[in-house]
Amino acid sequence: MANDIEASIIALIASAGDIEPGVITSETELAELDIDSLVLTEIVMDIEDEHDIEIDLNTAEAWESLKTVGDIVNMVKKLVAEQH
C-alpha cells in the first residue's frame, strides 16, 4: 500500500505539472519541478480526494515543510495510517 501511495502521488504531480512521471522520485525537490503554490494546492486537493484524508496546510510552516515529493508521500502515509 505504501508504494501505491507513492505511485499515485507521483502520477498526480506528473499530471498537474505536465511532467514525465519517470523523472519524478521521492527525492525530487518540488522546486526542481517548477510547481508553484497554486499547482501544489491543486495536487494536495487531488491527493485528499484520492486517499480520503484531510491535509492541513493553512500555515506557512506546513507549506515550507514540503520540499520534496517524499515529504508529501510521508505526510500522506502518516495521515492514511492515522485514519485506519
PDB file of N, CA and C in Angstrom:
ATOM      1  N   MET A   1       0.814  -1.193   0.000  1.00  0.00           N
ATOM      2  CA  MET A   1       0.000   0.000   0.000  1.00  0.00           C
ATOM      3  C   MET A   1       0.856   1.254   0.000  1.00  0.00           C
ATOM      4  N   ALA A   2       1.965   1.232   0.733  1.00  0.00           N
ATOM      5  CA  ALA A   2       2.836   2.401   0.797  1.00  0.00           C
ATOM      6  C   ALA A   2       3.357   2.774  -0.584  1.00  0.00           C
ATOM      7  N   ASN A   3       3.738   1.764  -1.375  1.00  0.00           N
ATOM      8  CA  ASN A   3       4.220   2.041  -2.725  1.00  0.00           C
ATOM      9  C   ASN A   3       3.093   2.551  -3.611  1.00  0.00           C
ATOM     10  N   ASP A   4       1.867   2.094  -3.348  1.00  0.00           N
ATOM     11  CA  ASP A   4       0.715   2.587  -4.096  1.00  0.00           C
ATOM     12  C   ASP A   4       0.515   4.074  -3.839  1.00  0.00           C
ATOM     13  N   ILE A   5       0.684   4.482  -2.589  1.00  0.00           N
ATOM     14  CA  ILE A   5       0.535   5.897  -2.238  1.00  0.00           C
ATOM     15  C   ILE A   5       1.586   6.709  -2.967  1.00  0.00           C
ATOM     16  N   GLU A   6       2.827   6.254  -2.923  1.00  0.00           N
ATOM     17  CA  GLU A   6       3.898   6.988  -3.607  1.00  0.00           C
ATOM     18  C   GLU A   6       3.627   7.068  -5.108  1.00  0.00           C
ATOM     19  N   ALA A   7       3.235   5.955  -5.705  1.00  0.00           N
ATOM     20  CA  ALA A   7       2.974   5.935  -7.153  1.00  0.00           C
ATOM     21  C   ALA A   7       1.827   6.867  -7.520  1.00  0.00           C
ATOM     22  N   SER A   8       0.766   6.874  -6.709  1.00  0.00           N
ATOM     23  CA  SER A   8      -0.374   7.729  -7.033  1.00  0.00           C
ATOM     24  C   SER A   8      -0.024   9.204  -6.889  1.00  0.00           C
ATOM     25  N   ILE A   9       0.785   9.532  -5.893  1.00  0.00           N
ATOM     26  CA  ILE A   9       1.189  10.926  -5.706  1.00  0.00           C
ATOM     27  C   ILE A   9       2.098  11.372  -6.846  1.00  0.00           C
ATOM     28  N   ILE A  10       3.030  10.529  -7.237  1.00  0.00           N
ATOM     29  CA  ILE A  10       3.901  10.869  -8.372  1.00  0.00           C
ATOM     30  C   ILE A  10       3.066  11.064  -9.630  1.00  0.00           C
ATOM     31  N   ALA A  11       2.076  10.202  -9.830  1.00  0.00           N
ATOM     32  CA  ALA A  11       1.208  10.335 -11.002  1.00  0.00           C
ATOM     33  C   ALA A  11       0.434  11.650 -10.971  1.00  0.00           C
ATOM     34  N   LEU A  12      -0.080  12.022  -9.804  1.00  0.00           N
ATOM     35  CA  LEU A  12      -0.811  13.286  -9.680  1.00  0.00           C
ATOM     36  C   LEU A  12       0.095  14.490  -9.933  1.00  0.00           C
ATOM     37  N   ILE A  13       1.300  14.441  -9.386  1.00  0.00           N
ATOM     38  CA  ILE A  13       2.250  15.545  -9.589  1.00  0.00           C
ATOM     39  C   ILE A  13       2.635  15.644 -11.062  1.00  0.00           C
ATOM     40  N   ALA A  14       2.893  14.505 -11.658  1.00  0.00           N
ATOM     41  CA  ALA A  14       3.273  14.490 -13.073  1.00  0.00           C
ATOM     42  C   ALA A  14       2.158  15.066 -13.934  1.00  0.00           C
ATOM     43  N   SER A  15       0.941  14.671 -13.661  1.00  0.00           N
ATOM     44  CA  SER A  15      -0.202  15.141 -14.432  1.00  0.00           C
ATOM     45  C   SER A  15      -0.417  16.642 -14.247  1.00  0.00           C
ATOM     46  N   ALA A  16      -0.395  17.090 -13.001  1.00  0.00           N
ATOM     47  CA  ALA A  16      -0.653  18.500 -12.704  1.00  0.00           C
ATOM     48  C   ALA A  16       0.453  19.406 -13.240  1.00  0.00           C
ATOM     49  N   GLY A  17       1.690  18.893 -13.203  1.00  0.00           N
ATOM     50  CA  GLY A  17       2.812  19.708 -13.649  1.00  0.00           C
ATOM     51  C   GLY A  17       3.206  19.455 -15.085  1.00  0.00           C
ATOM     52  N   ASP A  18       2.453  18.594 -15.775  1.00  0.00           N
ATOM     53  CA  ASP A  18       2.763  18.225 -17.161  1.00  0.00           C
ATOM     54  C   ASP A  18       4.213  17.760 -17.279  1.00  0.00           C
ATOM     55  N   ILE A  19       4.549  16.793 -16.419  1.00  0.00           N
ATOM     56  CA  ILE A  19       5.916  16.279 -16.303  1.00  0.00           C
ATOM     57  C   ILE A  19       5.890  14.780 -16.573  1.00  0.00           C
ATOM     58  N   GLU A  20       6.935  14.263 -17.162  1.00  0.00           N
ATOM     59  CA  GLU A  20       7.068  12.819 -17.390  1.00  0.00           C
ATOM     60  C   GLU A  20       7.215  12.125 -16.030  1.00  0.00           C
ATOM     61  N   PRO A  21       6.304  11.187 -15.690  1.00  0.00           N
ATOM     62  CA  PRO A  21       6.359  10.542 -14.368  1.00  0.00           C
ATOM     63  C   PRO A  21       7.694   9.859 -14.070  1.00  0.00           C
ATOM     64  N   GLY A  22       8.356   9.353 -15.085  1.00  0.00           N
ATOM     65  CA  GLY A  22       9.605   8.634 -14.868  1.00  0.00           C
ATOM     66  C   GLY A  22      10.735   9.469 -14.306  1.00  0.00           C
ATOM     67  N   VAL A  23      10.638  10.783 -14.393  1.00  0.00           N
ATOM     68  CA  VAL A  23      11.713  11.639 -13.896  1.00  0.00           C
ATOM     69  C   VAL A  23      11.482  12.047 -12.440  1.00  0.00           C
ATOM     70  N   ILE A  24      10.319  11.685 -11.896  1.00  0.00           N
ATOM     71  CA  ILE A  24       9.994  12.074 -10.529  1.00  0.00           C
ATOM     72  C   ILE A  24      10.264  10.903  -9.586  1.00  0.00           C
ATOM     73  N   THR A  25      11.029  11.187  -8.523  1.00  0.00           N
ATOM     74  CA  THR A  25      11.275  10.204  -7.462  1.00  0.00           C
ATOM     75  C   THR A  25      10.923  10.854  -6.129  1.00  0.00           C
ATOM     76  N   SER A  26      11.007  10.090  -5.064  1.00  0.00           N
ATOM     77  CA  SER A  26      10.706  10.660  -3.754  1.00  0.00           C
ATOM     78  C   SER A  26      11.731  11.724  -3.346  1.00  0.00           C
ATOM     79  N   GLU A  27      12.922  11.661  -3.934  1.00  0.00           N
ATOM     80  CA  GLU A  27      13.956  12.645  -3.615  1.00  0.00           C
ATOM     81  C   GLU A  27      13.841  13.919  -4.448  1.00  0.00           C
ATOM     82  N   THR A  28      12.983  13.916  -5.444  1.00  0.00           N
ATOM     83  CA  THR A  28      12.848  15.074  -6.323  1.00  0.00           C
ATOM     84  C   THR A  28      12.320  16.266  -5.535  1.00  0.00           C
ATOM     85  N   GLU A  29      13.031  17.389  -5.654  1.00  0.00           N
ATOM     86  CA  GLU A  29      12.588  18.603  -4.982  1.00  0.00           C
ATOM     87  C   GLU A  29      11.490  19.257  -5.800  1.00  0.00           C
ATOM     88  N   LEU A  30      10.465  19.731  -5.099  1.00  0.00           N
ATOM     89  CA  LEU A  30       9.346  20.366  -5.784  1.00  0.00           C
ATOM     90  C   LEU A  30       9.808  21.589  -6.576  1.00  0.00           C
ATOM     91  N   ALA A  31      10.803  22.294  -6.054  1.00  0.00           N
ATOM     92  CA  ALA A  31      11.320  23.471  -6.748  1.00  0.00           C
ATOM     93  C   ALA A  31      11.899  23.106  -8.115  1.00  0.00           C
ATOM     94  N   GLU A  32      12.474  21.912  -8.217  1.00  0.00           N
ATOM     95  CA  GLU A  32      13.043  21.453  -9.487  1.00  0.00           C
ATOM     96  C   GLU A  32      11.963  21.231 -10.536  1.00  0.00           C
ATOM     97  N   LEU A  33      10.740  20.983 -10.080  1.00  0.00           N
ATOM     98  CA  LEU A  33       9.642  20.676 -10.987  1.00  0.00           C
ATOM     99  C   LEU A  33       8.872  21.920 -11.411  1.00  0.00           C
ATOM    100  N   ASP A  34       9.305  23.078 -10.936  1.00  0.00           N
ATOM    101  CA  ASP A  34       8.628  24.337 -11.240  1.00  0.00           C
ATOM    102  C   ASP A  34       7.146  24.279 -10.885  1.00  0.00           C
ATOM    103  N   ILE A  35       6.856  23.733  -9.720  1.00  0.00           N
ATOM    104  CA  ILE A  35       5.478  23.659  -9.240  1.00  0.00           C
ATOM    105  C   ILE A  35       5.250  24.835  -8.298  1.00  0.00           C
ATOM    106  N   ASP A  36       4.359  25.728  -8.701  1.00  0.00           N
ATOM    107  CA  ASP A  36       4.074  26.875  -7.842  1.00  0.00           C
ATOM    108  C   ASP A  36       3.027  26.497  -6.797  1.00  0.00           C
ATOM    109  N   SER A  37       2.753  27.416  -5.893  1.00  0.00           N
ATOM    110  CA  SER A  37       1.851  27.104  -4.786  1.00  0.00           C
ATOM    111  C   SER A  37       0.427  26.813  -5.254  1.00  0.00           C
ATOM    112  N   LEU A  38      -0.009  27.430  -6.336  1.00  0.00           N
ATOM    113  CA  LEU A  38      -1.351  27.169  -6.848  1.00  0.00           C
ATOM    114  C   LEU A  38      -1.469  25.726  -7.349  1.00  0.00           C
ATOM    115  N   VAL A  39      -0.485  25.284  -8.121  1.00  0.00           N
ATOM    116  CA  VAL A  39      -0.493  23.908  -8.622  1.00  0.00           C
ATOM    117  C   VAL A  39      -0.338  22.931  -7.458  1.00  0.00           C
ATOM    118  N   LEU A  40       0.508  23.263  -6.501  1.00  0.00           N
ATOM    119  CA  LEU A  40       0.690  22.395  -5.337  1.00  0.00           C
ATOM    120  C   LEU A  40      -0.620  22.271  -4.560  1.00  0.00           C
ATOM    121  N   THR A  41      -1.359  23.355  -4.452  1.00  0.00           N
ATOM    122  CA  THR A  41      -2.661  23.313  -3.778  1.00  0.00           C
ATOM    123  C   THR A  41      -3.607  22.372  -4.508  1.00  0.00           C
ATOM    124  N   GLU A  42      -3.624  22.426  -5.831  1.00  0.00           N
ATOM    125  CA  GLU A  42      -4.467  21.531  -6.621  1.00  0.00           C
ATOM    126  C   GLU A  42      -4.052  20.076  -6.417  1.00  0.00           C
ATOM    127  N   ILE A  43      -2.746  19.838  -6.378  1.00  0.00           N
ATOM    128  CA  ILE A  43      -2.233  18.483  -6.155  1.00  0.00           C
ATOM    129  C   ILE A  43      -2.688  17.977  -4.787  1.00  0.00           C
ATOM    130  N   VAL A  44      -2.563  18.812  -3.767  1.00  0.00           N
ATOM    131  CA  VAL A  44      -2.955  18.430  -2.414  1.00  0.00           C
ATOM    132  C   VAL A  44      -4.446  18.098  -2.370  1.00  0.00           C
ATOM    133  N   MET A  45      -5.277  18.902  -3.031  1.00  0.00           N
ATOM    134  CA  MET A  45      -6.716  18.630  -3.059  1.00  0.00           C
ATOM    135  C   MET A  45      -7.003  17.306  -3.766  1.00  0.00           C
ATOM    136  N   ASP A  46      -6.280  17.018  -4.839  1.00  0.00           N
ATOM    137  CA  ASP A  46      -6.449  15.740  -5.535  1.00  0.00           C
ATOM    138  C   ASP A  46      -6.026  14.568  -4.652  1.00  0.00           C
ATOM    139  N   ILE A  47      -4.937  14.748  -3.923  1.00  0.00           N
ATOM    140  CA  ILE A  47      -4.457  13.700  -3.007  1.00  0.00           C
ATOM    141  C   ILE A  47      -5.501  13.448  -1.920  1.00  0.00           C
ATOM    142  N   GLU A  48      -6.060  14.530  -1.378  1.00  0.00           N
ATOM    143  CA  GLU A  48      -7.088  14.379  -0.343  1.00  0.00           C
ATOM    144  C   GLU A  48      -8.273  13.576  -0.869  1.00  0.00           C
ATOM    145  N   ASP A  49      -8.716  13.907  -2.068  1.00  0.00           N
ATOM    146  CA  ASP A  49      -9.849  13.193  -2.663  1.00  0.00           C
ATOM    147  C   ASP A  49      -9.527  11.723  -2.893  1.00  0.00           C
ATOM    148  N   GLU A  50      -8.342  11.465  -3.439  1.00  0.00           N
ATOM    149  CA  GLU A  50      -7.976  10.097  -3.795  1.00  0.00           C
ATOM    150  C   GLU A  50      -7.802   9.195  -2.582  1.00  0.00           C
ATOM    151  N   HIS A  51      -7.272   9.756  -1.498  1.00  0.00           N
ATOM    152  CA  HIS A  51      -6.960   8.940  -0.319  1.00  0.00           C
ATOM    153  C   HIS A  51      -7.932   9.173   0.839  1.00  0.00           C
ATOM    154  N   ASP A  52      -8.959   9.985   0.611  1.00  0.00           N
ATOM    155  CA  ASP A  52      -9.988  10.266   1.609  1.00  0.00           C
ATOM    156  C   ASP A  52      -9.373  10.725   2.933  1.00  0.00           C
ATOM    157  N   ILE A  53      -8.509  11.739   2.837  1.00  0.00           N
ATOM    158  CA  ILE A  53      -7.859  12.317   4.012  1.00  0.00           C
ATOM    159  C   ILE A  53      -7.984  13.833   3.929  1.00  0.00           C
ATOM    160  N   GLU A  54      -7.614  14.492   5.023  1.00  0.00           N
ATOM    161  CA  GLU A  54      -7.575  15.953   5.025  1.00  0.00           C
ATOM    162  C   GLU A  54      -6.169  16.389   5.411  1.00  0.00           C
ATOM    163  N   ILE A  55      -5.576  17.205   4.558  1.00  0.00           N
ATOM    164  CA  ILE A  55      -4.225  17.695   4.791  1.00  0.00           C
ATOM    165  C   ILE A  55      -4.331  19.154   5.216  1.00  0.00           C
ATOM    166  N   ASP A  56      -3.838  19.463   6.407  1.00  0.00           N
ATOM    167  CA  ASP A  56      -3.910  20.831   6.917  1.00  0.00           C
ATOM    168  C   ASP A  56      -2.661  21.590   6.495  1.00  0.00           C
ATOM    169  N   LEU A  57      -2.834  22.443   5.506  1.00  0.00           N
ATOM    170  CA  LEU A  57      -1.705  23.247   5.031  1.00  0.00           C
ATOM    171  C   LEU A  57      -2.053  24.732   5.118  1.00  0.00           C
ATOM    172  N   ASN A  58      -2.652  25.116   6.228  1.00  0.00           N
ATOM    173  CA  ASN A  58      -3.066  26.501   6.381  1.00  0.00           C
ATOM    174  C   ASN A  58      -1.965  27.399   6.919  1.00  0.00           C
ATOM    175  N   THR A  59      -0.886  26.813   7.378  1.00  0.00           N
ATOM    176  CA  THR A  59       0.177  27.631   7.951  1.00  0.00           C
ATOM    177  C   THR A  59       1.382  27.670   7.025  1.00  0.00           C
ATOM    178  N   ALA A  60       2.117  28.743   7.110  1.00  0.00           N
ATOM    179  CA  ALA A  60       3.325  28.890   6.295  1.00  0.00           C
ATOM    180  C   ALA A  60       4.323  27.787   6.604  1.00  0.00           C
ATOM    181  N   GLU A  61       4.386  27.376   7.876  1.00  0.00           N
ATOM    182  CA  GLU A  61       5.332  26.322   8.256  1.00  0.00           C
ATOM    183  C   GLU A  61       5.001  25.009   7.546  1.00  0.00           C
ATOM    184  N   ALA A  62       3.719  24.724   7.410  1.00  0.00           N
ATOM    185  CA  ALA A  62       3.312  23.485   6.744  1.00  0.00           C
ATOM    186  C   ALA A  62       3.754  23.499   5.288  1.00  0.00           C
ATOM    187  N   TRP A  63       3.555  24.610   4.598  1.00  0.00           N
ATOM    188  CA  TRP A  63       3.966  24.702   3.199  1.00  0.00           C
ATOM    189  C   TRP A  63       5.485  24.588   3.073  1.00  0.00           C
ATOM    190  N   GLU A  64       6.189  25.231   3.999  1.00  0.00           N
ATOM    191  CA  GLU A  64       7.652  25.203   3.931  1.00  0.00           C
ATOM    192  C   GLU A  64       8.211  23.812   4.208  1.00  0.00           C
ATOM    193  N   SER A  65       7.445  22.968   4.895  1.00  0.00           N
ATOM    194  CA  SER A  65       7.938  21.628   5.220  1.00  0.00           C
ATOM    195  C   SER A  65       7.889  20.704   4.010  1.00  0.00           C
ATOM    196  N   LEU A  66       7.184  21.102   2.964  1.00  0.00           N
ATOM    197  CA  LEU A  66       7.064  20.270   1.761  1.00  0.00           C
ATOM    198  C   LEU A  66       8.117  20.686   0.738  1.00  0.00           C
ATOM    199  N   LYS A  67       9.276  20.080   0.838  1.00  0.00           N
ATOM    200  CA  LYS A  67      10.369  20.413  -0.074  1.00  0.00           C
ATOM    201  C   LYS A  67      10.534  19.390  -1.195  1.00  0.00           C
ATOM    202  N   THR A  68      10.221  18.130  -0.877  1.00  0.00           N
ATOM    203  CA  THR A  68      10.419  17.058  -1.854  1.00  0.00           C
ATOM    204  C   THR A  68       9.125  16.271  -2.043  1.00  0.00           C
ATOM    205  N   VAL A  69       9.103  15.485  -3.086  1.00  0.00           N
ATOM    206  CA  VAL A  69       7.977  14.580  -3.319  1.00  0.00           C
ATOM    207  C   VAL A  69       7.850  13.630  -2.129  1.00  0.00           C
ATOM    208  N   GLY A  70       8.970  13.184  -1.604  1.00  0.00           N
ATOM    209  CA  GLY A  70       8.974  12.291  -0.440  1.00  0.00           C
ATOM    210  C   GLY A  70       8.320  12.916   0.782  1.00  0.00           C
ATOM    211  N   ASP A  71       8.468  14.236   0.949  1.00  0.00           N
ATOM    212  CA  ASP A  71       7.812  14.918   2.071  1.00  0.00           C
ATOM    213  C   ASP A  71       6.297  14.779   1.965  1.00  0.00           C
ATOM    214  N   ILE A  72       5.779  14.935   0.760  1.00  0.00           N
ATOM    215  CA  ILE A  72       4.342  14.786   0.542  1.00  0.00           C
ATOM    216  C   ILE A  72       3.928  13.335   0.782  1.00  0.00           C
ATOM    217  N   VAL A  73       4.700  12.394   0.223  1.00  0.00           N
ATOM    218  CA  VAL A  73       4.391  10.970   0.380  1.00  0.00           C
ATOM    219  C   VAL A  73       4.363  10.595   1.860  1.00  0.00           C
ATOM    220  N   ASN A  74       5.359  11.018   2.618  1.00  0.00           N
ATOM    221  CA  ASN A  74       5.426  10.676   4.039  1.00  0.00           C
ATOM    222  C   ASN A  74       4.256  11.257   4.814  1.00  0.00           C
ATOM    223  N   MET A  75       3.871  12.498   4.486  1.00  0.00           N
ATOM    224  CA  MET A  75       2.745  13.127   5.151  1.00  0.00           C
ATOM    225  C   MET A  75       1.461  12.340   4.869  1.00  0.00           C
ATOM    226  N   VAL A  76       1.261  11.957   3.618  1.00  0.00           N
ATOM    227  CA  VAL A  76       0.051  11.218   3.243  1.00  0.00           C
ATOM    228  C   VAL A  76       0.047   9.843   3.900  1.00  0.00           C
ATOM    229  N   LYS A  77       1.176   9.147   3.900  1.00  0.00           N
ATOM    230  CA  LYS A  77       1.251   7.830   4.550  1.00  0.00           C
ATOM    231  C   LYS A  77       0.867   7.936   6.019  1.00  0.00           C
ATOM    232  N   LYS A  78       1.370   8.974   6.684  1.00  0.00           N
ATOM    233  CA  LYS A  78       1.067   9.164   8.098  1.00  0.00           C
ATOM    234  C   LYS A  78      -0.421   9.418   8.305  1.00  0.00           C
ATOM    235  N   LEU A  79      -1.022  10.272   7.481  1.00  0.00           N
ATOM    236  CA  LEU A  79      -2.449  10.584   7.616  1.00  0.00           C
ATOM    237  C   LEU A  79      -3.315   9.352   7.321  1.00  0.00           C
ATOM    238  N   VAL A  80      -2.936   8.580   6.316  1.00  0.00           N
ATOM    239  CA  VAL A  80      -3.686   7.366   5.969  1.00  0.00           C
ATOM    240  C   VAL A  80      -3.591   6.365   7.124  1.00  0.00           C
ATOM    241  N   ALA A  81      -2.392   6.212   7.707  1.00  0.00           N
ATOM    242  CA  ALA A  81      -2.204   5.282   8.821  1.00  0.00           C
ATOM    243  C   ALA A  81      -3.022   5.701  10.040  1.00  0.00           C
ATOM    244  N   GLU A  82      -3.083   7.011  10.299  1.00  0.00           N
ATOM    245  CA  GLU A  82      -3.852   7.516  11.440  1.00  0.00           C
ATOM    246  C   GLU A  82      -5.345   7.265  11.253  1.00  0.00           C
ATOM    247  N   GLN A  83      -5.771   7.243  10.024  1.00  0.00           N
ATOM    248  CA  GLN A  83      -7.179   7.079   9.726  1.00  0.00           C
ATOM    249  C   GLN A  83      -7.646   5.624   9.905  1.00  0.00           C
ATOM    250  N   HIS A  84      -6.712   4.674   9.795  1.00  0.00           N
ATOM    251  CA  HIS A  84      -7.080   3.258   9.863  1.00  0.00           C
ATOM    252  C   HIS A  84      -6.890   2.701  11.225  1.00  0.00           C
TER     253      HIS A  84
END
